[in-house]
């Protein structure tokens, strides 16, 4: 397990970390609940010319214009569909507010460090650098995403411009 994965799952109280579980296609993912500002119903964003395909556009969130990333497009999980279950998870990453479109939100789950297994090396098929690991809860498995690292990556181009 990488050092960032170990630090990401260390808990100050020894009881575990809370993750917001969400679905993309048939898979369930989890992100650190402390990065989540709010969850909103999907509204079509205003498209920005020449933006990468995974950036759906921008929305006005109480006077703040925020970019919206479609994670289904970003992770290449087929054509997204937008229905009554589609939500936008509003994240606060390094002081920058970003919207993330997902198929649906399941619940908030507490995982102990023992429930988090290192991500398997799958070669070029999947870039595991943005994974903390796999969270296991009985028969359920969550793909735990290091949302800070993903949203701050140079390929996203959303956060690193502000870091000075």
N, C-alpha and C. Protein backbone atom coordinates (compact mmCIF):
# COMPACT_ATOMS: atom_id res chain seq x y z
N UNK A 1 0.86 -1.17 0.00
CA UNK A 1 0.00 0.00 0.00
C UNK A 1 0.89 1.23 0.00
N UNK A 2 0.53 2.21 -0.81
CA UNK A 2 1.35 3.41 -0.90
C UNK A 2 1.22 4.24 0.36
N UNK A 3 2.16 5.15 0.53
CA UNK A 3 2.15 6.02 1.70
C UNK A 3 0.90 6.89 1.73
N UNK A 4 0.48 7.40 0.55
CA UNK A 4 -0.72 8.23 0.52
C UNK A 4 -1.96 7.42 0.87
N UNK A 5 -1.98 6.15 0.45
CA UNK A 5 -3.12 5.30 0.79
C UNK A 5 -3.16 5.04 2.29
N UNK A 6 -1.98 4.82 2.87
CA UNK A 6 -1.94 4.59 4.32
C UNK A 6 -2.40 5.83 5.07
N UNK A 7 -1.93 7.01 4.66
CA UNK A 7 -2.33 8.22 5.36
C UNK A 7 -3.80 8.53 5.11
N UNK A 8 -4.31 8.16 3.94
CA UNK A 8 -5.71 8.42 3.64
C UNK A 8 -6.66 7.59 4.48
N UNK A 9 -6.18 6.42 4.95
CA UNK A 9 -7.08 5.58 5.73
C UNK A 9 -6.78 5.60 7.21
N UNK A 10 -5.78 6.39 7.61
CA UNK A 10 -5.52 6.52 9.05
C UNK A 10 -6.65 7.29 9.68
N UNK A 11 -7.07 6.83 10.81
CA UNK A 11 -8.18 7.47 11.49
C UNK A 11 -7.70 8.02 12.81
N UNK A 12 -8.18 9.20 13.15
CA UNK A 12 -7.74 9.83 14.40
C UNK A 12 -8.39 9.18 15.61
N UNK A 13 -9.57 8.61 15.44
CA UNK A 13 -10.27 8.04 16.60
C UNK A 13 -10.20 6.53 16.65
N UNK A 14 -9.59 5.90 15.65
CA UNK A 14 -9.46 4.45 15.66
C UNK A 14 -10.75 3.74 15.25
N UNK A 15 -11.81 4.49 14.95
CA UNK A 15 -13.09 3.87 14.61
C UNK A 15 -13.28 3.68 13.11
N UNK A 16 -12.47 4.31 12.30
CA UNK A 16 -12.62 4.17 10.87
C UNK A 16 -12.90 5.50 10.20
N UNK A 17 -12.92 5.48 8.89
CA UNK A 17 -13.18 6.67 8.10
C UNK A 17 -14.53 6.54 7.42
N UNK A 18 -15.17 7.68 7.18
CA UNK A 18 -16.47 7.66 6.49
C UNK A 18 -16.28 8.00 5.02
N UNK A 19 -16.94 7.21 4.19
CA UNK A 19 -16.88 7.39 2.75
C UNK A 19 -18.30 7.54 2.20
N UNK A 20 -18.47 8.47 1.26
CA UNK A 20 -19.73 8.60 0.55
C UNK A 20 -19.68 7.60 -0.60
N UNK A 21 -20.63 6.68 -0.62
CA UNK A 21 -20.68 5.65 -1.67
C UNK A 21 -21.59 6.15 -2.81
N UNK A 22 -21.10 5.97 -4.03
CA UNK A 22 -21.90 6.36 -5.21
C UNK A 22 -21.69 5.35 -6.32
N UNK A 23 -22.62 5.36 -7.27
CA UNK A 23 -22.56 4.40 -8.38
C UNK A 23 -22.20 5.11 -9.68
N UNK A 24 -21.39 4.40 -10.45
CA UNK A 24 -21.09 4.75 -11.84
C UNK A 24 -21.25 3.45 -12.61
N UNK A 25 -22.27 3.38 -13.43
CA UNK A 25 -22.54 2.11 -14.12
C UNK A 25 -22.90 1.05 -13.09
N UNK A 26 -22.27 -0.12 -13.20
CA UNK A 26 -22.60 -1.21 -12.27
C UNK A 26 -21.67 -1.24 -11.06
N UNK A 27 -20.68 -0.35 -11.01
CA UNK A 27 -19.71 -0.36 -9.92
C UNK A 27 -20.04 0.70 -8.87
N UNK A 28 -19.58 0.41 -7.65
CA UNK A 28 -19.79 1.33 -6.55
C UNK A 28 -18.44 1.90 -6.12
N UNK A 29 -18.41 3.19 -5.95
CA UNK A 29 -17.19 3.91 -5.60
C UNK A 29 -17.39 4.59 -4.25
N UNK A 30 -16.28 5.00 -3.64
CA UNK A 30 -16.35 5.73 -2.39
C UNK A 30 -15.33 6.85 -2.36
N UNK A 31 -15.73 7.99 -1.78
CA UNK A 31 -14.81 9.10 -1.58
C UNK A 31 -14.92 9.57 -0.14
N UNK A 32 -13.88 10.19 0.35
CA UNK A 32 -13.84 10.71 1.72
C UNK A 32 -14.99 11.70 1.92
N UNK A 33 -15.83 11.44 2.90
CA UNK A 33 -17.01 12.28 3.15
C UNK A 33 -16.60 13.71 3.52
N UNK A 34 -15.41 13.88 4.06
CA UNK A 34 -14.97 15.22 4.47
C UNK A 34 -14.71 16.14 3.27
N UNK A 35 -14.59 15.58 2.07
CA UNK A 35 -14.39 16.38 0.86
C UNK A 35 -15.71 16.83 0.25
N UNK A 36 -16.83 16.26 0.75
CA UNK A 36 -18.14 16.54 0.18
C UNK A 36 -18.76 17.76 0.87
N UNK A 37 -19.14 18.74 0.07
CA UNK A 37 -19.79 19.93 0.60
C UNK A 37 -21.30 19.75 0.62
N UNK A 38 -21.85 19.21 -0.48
CA UNK A 38 -23.29 18.96 -0.56
C UNK A 38 -23.58 18.04 -1.74
N UNK A 39 -24.80 17.56 -1.80
CA UNK A 39 -25.26 16.71 -2.91
C UNK A 39 -26.49 17.37 -3.49
N UNK A 40 -26.50 17.55 -4.80
CA UNK A 40 -27.60 18.23 -5.49
C UNK A 40 -28.15 17.35 -6.61
N UNK A 41 -29.40 17.59 -6.96
CA UNK A 41 -29.97 16.94 -8.13
C UNK A 41 -29.26 17.46 -9.38
N UNK A 42 -29.27 16.66 -10.44
CA UNK A 42 -28.58 17.04 -11.67
C UNK A 42 -29.34 18.14 -12.40
N UNK A 43 -28.63 19.16 -12.80
CA UNK A 43 -29.16 20.18 -13.70
C UNK A 43 -28.14 20.35 -14.81
N UNK A 44 -28.63 20.51 -16.02
CA UNK A 44 -27.70 20.59 -17.16
C UNK A 44 -26.81 21.82 -17.00
N UNK A 45 -25.49 21.62 -17.01
CA UNK A 45 -24.58 22.75 -16.89
C UNK A 45 -24.47 23.53 -18.19
N UNK A 46 -23.95 24.74 -18.10
CA UNK A 46 -23.67 25.56 -19.27
C UNK A 46 -22.35 25.09 -19.86
N UNK A 47 -22.39 24.68 -21.12
CA UNK A 47 -21.21 24.12 -21.78
C UNK A 47 -20.18 25.22 -22.04
N UNK A 48 -18.91 24.88 -21.90
CA UNK A 48 -17.81 25.81 -22.16
C UNK A 48 -17.07 25.31 -23.41
N UNK A 49 -16.87 26.21 -24.37
CA UNK A 49 -16.19 25.85 -25.62
C UNK A 49 -14.78 25.36 -25.34
N UNK A 50 -14.37 24.35 -26.08
CA UNK A 50 -13.02 23.78 -26.03
C UNK A 50 -12.66 23.11 -24.71
N UNK A 51 -13.63 22.90 -23.83
CA UNK A 51 -13.35 22.18 -22.58
C UNK A 51 -13.24 20.69 -22.92
N UNK A 52 -12.45 19.93 -22.14
CA UNK A 52 -12.39 18.48 -22.38
C UNK A 52 -13.80 17.88 -22.26
N UNK A 53 -14.01 16.75 -22.93
CA UNK A 53 -15.34 16.14 -22.96
C UNK A 53 -15.88 15.82 -21.56
N UNK A 54 -14.99 15.40 -20.64
CA UNK A 54 -15.45 15.03 -19.30
C UNK A 54 -15.88 16.23 -18.45
N UNK A 55 -15.50 17.43 -18.85
CA UNK A 55 -16.00 18.63 -18.15
C UNK A 55 -17.29 19.05 -18.84
N UNK A 56 -18.40 18.76 -18.16
CA UNK A 56 -19.73 18.98 -18.76
C UNK A 56 -20.02 20.47 -18.94
N UNK A 57 -19.39 21.31 -18.12
CA UNK A 57 -19.64 22.74 -18.20
C UNK A 57 -19.55 23.34 -16.81
N UNK A 58 -20.32 24.40 -16.58
CA UNK A 58 -20.30 25.07 -15.28
C UNK A 58 -21.73 25.30 -14.81
N UNK A 59 -21.89 25.38 -13.49
CA UNK A 59 -23.18 25.75 -12.90
C UNK A 59 -22.95 26.90 -11.92
N UNK A 60 -24.03 27.63 -11.67
CA UNK A 60 -23.99 28.72 -10.71
C UNK A 60 -24.51 28.18 -9.39
N UNK A 61 -23.62 28.07 -8.41
CA UNK A 61 -23.98 27.55 -7.09
C UNK A 61 -23.99 28.72 -6.12
N UNK A 62 -25.17 29.28 -5.92
CA UNK A 62 -25.33 30.42 -5.02
C UNK A 62 -24.31 31.52 -5.28
N UNK A 63 -24.17 31.89 -6.55
CA UNK A 63 -23.28 32.98 -6.92
C UNK A 63 -21.86 32.57 -7.23
N UNK A 64 -21.51 31.30 -7.04
CA UNK A 64 -20.17 30.81 -7.36
C UNK A 64 -20.27 29.95 -8.61
N UNK A 65 -19.48 30.26 -9.62
CA UNK A 65 -19.46 29.47 -10.85
C UNK A 65 -18.48 28.31 -10.64
N UNK A 66 -19.00 27.08 -10.74
CA UNK A 66 -18.14 25.92 -10.50
C UNK A 66 -18.15 24.98 -11.72
N UNK A 67 -16.98 24.36 -11.99
CA UNK A 67 -16.92 23.38 -13.08
C UNK A 67 -17.60 22.08 -12.65
N UNK A 68 -18.17 21.39 -13.63
CA UNK A 68 -18.84 20.11 -13.38
C UNK A 68 -18.17 19.03 -14.22
N UNK A 69 -17.69 17.99 -13.54
CA UNK A 69 -17.00 16.87 -14.19
C UNK A 69 -17.93 15.67 -14.21
N UNK A 70 -18.11 15.05 -15.37
CA UNK A 70 -18.90 13.82 -15.47
C UNK A 70 -17.95 12.64 -15.29
N UNK A 71 -18.07 11.96 -14.15
CA UNK A 71 -17.13 10.88 -13.83
C UNK A 71 -17.30 9.67 -14.74
N UNK A 72 -18.49 9.49 -15.29
CA UNK A 72 -18.69 8.36 -16.19
C UNK A 72 -17.87 8.54 -17.47
N UNK A 73 -17.83 9.78 -17.95
CA UNK A 73 -17.01 10.08 -19.13
C UNK A 73 -15.54 10.03 -18.75
N UNK A 74 -15.18 10.59 -17.60
CA UNK A 74 -13.78 10.62 -17.16
C UNK A 74 -13.21 9.21 -17.03
N UNK A 75 -13.98 8.29 -16.45
CA UNK A 75 -13.52 6.92 -16.26
C UNK A 75 -13.84 6.02 -17.46
N UNK A 76 -14.37 6.61 -18.55
CA UNK A 76 -14.65 5.88 -19.78
C UNK A 76 -15.59 4.69 -19.51
N UNK A 77 -16.72 4.97 -18.86
CA UNK A 77 -17.67 3.92 -18.49
C UNK A 77 -18.92 3.93 -19.35
N UNK A 78 -18.78 4.29 -20.59
CA UNK A 78 -19.93 4.28 -21.48
C UNK A 78 -20.65 5.61 -21.50
N UNK A 79 -21.70 5.67 -22.30
CA UNK A 79 -22.46 6.90 -22.46
C UNK A 79 -23.29 7.17 -21.21
N UNK A 80 -23.12 8.35 -20.63
CA UNK A 80 -23.90 8.66 -19.43
C UNK A 80 -25.37 8.90 -19.76
N UNK A 81 -26.23 8.52 -18.84
CA UNK A 81 -27.64 8.87 -18.95
C UNK A 81 -27.99 9.71 -17.74
N UNK A 82 -28.84 10.68 -17.93
CA UNK A 82 -29.20 11.59 -16.85
C UNK A 82 -30.68 11.37 -16.54
N UNK A 83 -30.94 10.90 -15.32
CA UNK A 83 -32.32 10.64 -14.92
C UNK A 83 -32.56 11.19 -13.52
N UNK A 84 -33.66 10.75 -12.90
CA UNK A 84 -34.01 11.28 -11.58
C UNK A 84 -33.03 10.88 -10.49
N UNK A 85 -32.19 9.86 -10.73
CA UNK A 85 -31.22 9.41 -9.74
C UNK A 85 -29.86 10.11 -9.89
N UNK A 86 -29.62 10.71 -11.05
CA UNK A 86 -28.34 11.36 -11.32
C UNK A 86 -28.17 12.54 -10.37
N UNK A 87 -26.99 12.62 -9.74
CA UNK A 87 -26.74 13.70 -8.80
C UNK A 87 -25.39 14.34 -9.09
N UNK A 88 -25.24 15.54 -8.56
CA UNK A 88 -23.96 16.24 -8.60
C UNK A 88 -23.47 16.32 -7.17
N UNK A 89 -22.30 15.73 -6.93
CA UNK A 89 -21.66 15.81 -5.62
C UNK A 89 -20.77 17.05 -5.66
N UNK A 90 -21.05 18.00 -4.77
CA UNK A 90 -20.25 19.22 -4.71
C UNK A 90 -19.09 18.96 -3.77
N UNK A 91 -17.87 19.08 -4.30
CA UNK A 91 -16.65 18.79 -3.55
C UNK A 91 -15.91 20.08 -3.22
N UNK A 92 -15.18 20.05 -2.13
CA UNK A 92 -14.27 21.14 -1.80
C UNK A 92 -12.88 20.54 -1.76
N UNK A 93 -12.10 20.81 -2.81
CA UNK A 93 -10.76 20.24 -2.97
C UNK A 93 -9.75 21.38 -2.94
N UNK A 94 -8.91 21.40 -1.94
CA UNK A 94 -7.88 22.43 -1.80
C UNK A 94 -8.47 23.84 -1.92
N UNK A 95 -9.63 24.04 -1.34
CA UNK A 95 -10.26 25.36 -1.36
C UNK A 95 -11.00 25.67 -2.65
N UNK A 96 -11.02 24.75 -3.59
CA UNK A 96 -11.73 24.95 -4.86
C UNK A 96 -12.99 24.10 -4.87
N UNK A 97 -14.10 24.68 -5.26
CA UNK A 97 -15.38 23.96 -5.30
C UNK A 97 -15.56 23.38 -6.71
N UNK A 98 -15.85 22.08 -6.77
CA UNK A 98 -15.99 21.35 -8.04
C UNK A 98 -17.22 20.45 -7.94
N UNK A 99 -17.98 20.36 -9.02
CA UNK A 99 -19.12 19.46 -9.08
C UNK A 99 -18.72 18.17 -9.79
N UNK A 100 -19.25 17.04 -9.31
CA UNK A 100 -18.92 15.74 -9.88
C UNK A 100 -20.23 14.99 -10.14
N UNK A 101 -20.52 14.71 -11.42
CA UNK A 101 -21.75 14.02 -11.78
C UNK A 101 -21.56 12.52 -11.63
N UNK A 102 -22.48 11.87 -10.89
CA UNK A 102 -22.47 10.41 -10.72
C UNK A 102 -23.87 9.88 -10.98
N UNK A 103 -23.98 8.57 -11.23
CA UNK A 103 -25.28 7.97 -11.54
C UNK A 103 -26.25 8.04 -10.36
N UNK A 104 -25.75 7.77 -9.16
CA UNK A 104 -26.58 7.84 -7.96
C UNK A 104 -25.68 7.78 -6.74
N UNK A 105 -26.22 8.22 -5.61
CA UNK A 105 -25.51 8.14 -4.34
C UNK A 105 -26.19 7.06 -3.52
N UNK A 106 -25.38 6.19 -2.87
CA UNK A 106 -25.94 5.09 -2.10
C UNK A 106 -26.11 5.49 -0.64
N UNK A 107 -24.98 5.68 0.05
CA UNK A 107 -25.03 5.94 1.49
C UNK A 107 -23.67 6.42 1.96
N UNK A 108 -23.57 6.67 3.25
CA UNK A 108 -22.28 6.98 3.88
C UNK A 108 -21.89 5.74 4.67
N UNK A 109 -20.68 5.26 4.42
CA UNK A 109 -20.22 4.02 5.02
C UNK A 109 -18.94 4.28 5.82
N UNK A 110 -18.87 3.70 7.00
CA UNK A 110 -17.66 3.78 7.81
C UNK A 110 -16.84 2.52 7.57
N UNK A 111 -15.57 2.72 7.20
CA UNK A 111 -14.67 1.60 6.96
C UNK A 111 -13.50 1.68 7.93
N UNK A 112 -13.19 0.56 8.55
CA UNK A 112 -12.02 0.48 9.40
C UNK A 112 -10.81 0.21 8.50
N UNK A 113 -9.60 0.50 8.95
CA UNK A 113 -8.42 0.20 8.12
C UNK A 113 -8.35 -1.26 7.70
N UNK A 114 -8.88 -2.19 8.52
CA UNK A 114 -8.86 -3.62 8.17
C UNK A 114 -9.79 -3.93 6.99
N UNK A 115 -10.79 -3.08 6.76
CA UNK A 115 -11.74 -3.30 5.67
C UNK A 115 -11.24 -2.73 4.34
N UNK A 116 -10.11 -2.04 4.36
CA UNK A 116 -9.58 -1.42 3.15
C UNK A 116 -8.37 -2.21 2.67
N UNK A 117 -8.53 -2.81 1.49
CA UNK A 117 -7.48 -3.63 0.90
C UNK A 117 -6.76 -2.82 -0.17
N UNK A 118 -5.46 -3.08 -0.37
CA UNK A 118 -4.73 -2.35 -1.42
C UNK A 118 -5.31 -2.67 -2.80
N UNK A 119 -5.26 -1.69 -3.68
CA UNK A 119 -5.75 -1.90 -5.04
C UNK A 119 -4.83 -2.85 -5.78
N UNK A 120 -5.38 -3.82 -6.52
CA UNK A 120 -4.53 -4.73 -7.28
C UNK A 120 -3.91 -4.01 -8.46
N UNK A 121 -2.74 -4.45 -8.87
CA UNK A 121 -2.07 -3.88 -10.03
C UNK A 121 -2.69 -4.50 -11.27
N UNK A 122 -3.35 -3.67 -12.08
CA UNK A 122 -3.99 -4.18 -13.29
C UNK A 122 -3.32 -3.65 -14.54
N UNK A 123 -2.09 -3.19 -14.40
CA UNK A 123 -1.34 -2.72 -15.56
C UNK A 123 -1.99 -1.51 -16.20
N UNK A 124 -1.92 -1.45 -17.50
CA UNK A 124 -2.43 -0.30 -18.24
C UNK A 124 -3.95 -0.29 -18.34
N UNK A 125 -4.61 -1.39 -17.96
CA UNK A 125 -6.06 -1.46 -18.09
C UNK A 125 -6.76 -0.42 -17.20
N UNK A 126 -6.15 -0.11 -16.05
CA UNK A 126 -6.76 0.86 -15.15
C UNK A 126 -5.67 1.60 -14.42
N UNK A 127 -5.79 2.91 -14.35
CA UNK A 127 -4.80 3.73 -13.67
C UNK A 127 -5.12 3.75 -12.18
N UNK A 128 -4.36 2.97 -11.41
CA UNK A 128 -4.63 2.84 -9.97
C UNK A 128 -4.04 3.96 -9.13
N UNK A 129 -3.39 4.94 -9.78
CA UNK A 129 -2.78 6.01 -9.00
C UNK A 129 -3.82 6.86 -8.26
N UNK A 130 -5.07 6.83 -8.70
CA UNK A 130 -6.13 7.60 -8.05
C UNK A 130 -6.96 6.76 -7.10
N UNK A 131 -6.53 5.52 -6.86
CA UNK A 131 -7.26 4.64 -5.96
C UNK A 131 -6.58 4.57 -4.60
N UNK A 132 -7.37 4.65 -3.54
CA UNK A 132 -6.87 4.42 -2.19
C UNK A 132 -6.79 2.92 -1.96
N UNK A 133 -7.80 2.22 -2.44
CA UNK A 133 -7.87 0.77 -2.27
C UNK A 133 -9.29 0.31 -2.51
N UNK A 134 -9.58 -0.89 -2.03
CA UNK A 134 -10.92 -1.45 -2.15
C UNK A 134 -11.49 -1.64 -0.76
N UNK A 135 -12.65 -1.05 -0.53
CA UNK A 135 -13.32 -1.19 0.76
C UNK A 135 -14.28 -2.37 0.70
N UNK A 136 -14.22 -3.25 1.68
CA UNK A 136 -15.09 -4.41 1.69
C UNK A 136 -16.03 -4.36 2.88
N UNK A 137 -17.32 -4.49 2.60
CA UNK A 137 -18.36 -4.54 3.62
C UNK A 137 -19.21 -5.76 3.29
N UNK A 138 -19.00 -6.86 3.98
CA UNK A 138 -19.66 -8.13 3.69
C UNK A 138 -19.49 -8.47 2.22
N UNK A 139 -20.58 -8.58 1.46
CA UNK A 139 -20.48 -8.94 0.04
C UNK A 139 -20.27 -7.73 -0.87
N UNK A 140 -20.27 -6.55 -0.30
CA UNK A 140 -20.18 -5.31 -1.07
C UNK A 140 -18.73 -4.87 -1.19
N UNK A 141 -18.38 -4.30 -2.35
CA UNK A 141 -17.03 -3.79 -2.54
C UNK A 141 -17.10 -2.37 -3.09
N UNK A 142 -16.38 -1.45 -2.43
CA UNK A 142 -16.31 -0.07 -2.88
C UNK A 142 -14.93 0.20 -3.45
N UNK A 143 -14.87 0.83 -4.61
CA UNK A 143 -13.61 1.28 -5.18
C UNK A 143 -13.36 2.65 -4.57
N UNK A 144 -12.36 2.74 -3.70
CA UNK A 144 -12.11 3.99 -2.97
C UNK A 144 -11.20 4.89 -3.80
N UNK A 145 -11.72 6.06 -4.13
CA UNK A 145 -11.02 7.00 -5.00
C UNK A 145 -10.37 8.09 -4.16
N UNK A 146 -9.11 8.37 -4.46
CA UNK A 146 -8.41 9.50 -3.83
C UNK A 146 -8.85 10.74 -4.61
N UNK A 147 -9.96 11.33 -4.19
CA UNK A 147 -10.59 12.41 -4.95
C UNK A 147 -9.71 13.66 -4.97
N UNK A 148 -8.95 13.90 -3.93
CA UNK A 148 -8.01 15.03 -3.92
C UNK A 148 -7.00 14.88 -5.06
N UNK A 149 -6.39 13.70 -5.13
CA UNK A 149 -5.35 13.44 -6.12
C UNK A 149 -5.93 13.49 -7.54
N UNK A 150 -7.13 12.92 -7.72
CA UNK A 150 -7.75 12.90 -9.04
C UNK A 150 -8.10 14.32 -9.51
N UNK A 151 -8.79 15.07 -8.66
CA UNK A 151 -9.22 16.41 -9.07
C UNK A 151 -8.06 17.39 -9.17
N UNK A 152 -6.96 17.11 -8.47
CA UNK A 152 -5.79 17.99 -8.51
C UNK A 152 -4.82 17.62 -9.62
N UNK A 153 -5.09 16.51 -10.33
CA UNK A 153 -4.16 16.04 -11.35
C UNK A 153 -4.08 17.03 -12.52
N UNK A 154 -2.95 17.01 -13.19
CA UNK A 154 -2.75 17.94 -14.31
C UNK A 154 -3.71 17.64 -15.46
N UNK A 155 -4.10 16.37 -15.63
CA UNK A 155 -5.02 16.03 -16.73
C UNK A 155 -6.41 16.62 -16.49
N UNK A 156 -6.79 16.82 -15.22
CA UNK A 156 -8.07 17.46 -14.93
C UNK A 156 -7.95 18.98 -15.11
N UNK A 157 -6.82 19.53 -14.68
CA UNK A 157 -6.58 20.96 -14.85
C UNK A 157 -7.54 21.83 -14.08
N UNK A 158 -8.03 21.36 -12.92
CA UNK A 158 -9.04 22.12 -12.19
C UNK A 158 -8.50 22.82 -10.95
N UNK A 159 -7.54 22.19 -10.26
CA UNK A 159 -7.13 22.72 -8.97
C UNK A 159 -5.73 23.29 -8.98
N UNK A 160 -4.82 22.63 -9.70
CA UNK A 160 -3.41 22.99 -9.57
C UNK A 160 -3.09 24.42 -9.99
N UNK A 161 -3.93 25.04 -10.82
CA UNK A 161 -3.68 26.42 -11.24
C UNK A 161 -3.75 27.37 -10.07
N UNK A 162 -4.55 27.02 -9.06
CA UNK A 162 -4.73 27.92 -7.92
C UNK A 162 -3.63 27.76 -6.89
N UNK A 163 -2.95 26.61 -6.88
CA UNK A 163 -1.92 26.39 -5.87
C UNK A 163 -0.74 27.30 -6.18
N UNK A 164 -0.42 28.16 -5.23
CA UNK A 164 0.67 29.12 -5.46
C UNK A 164 1.63 29.11 -4.30
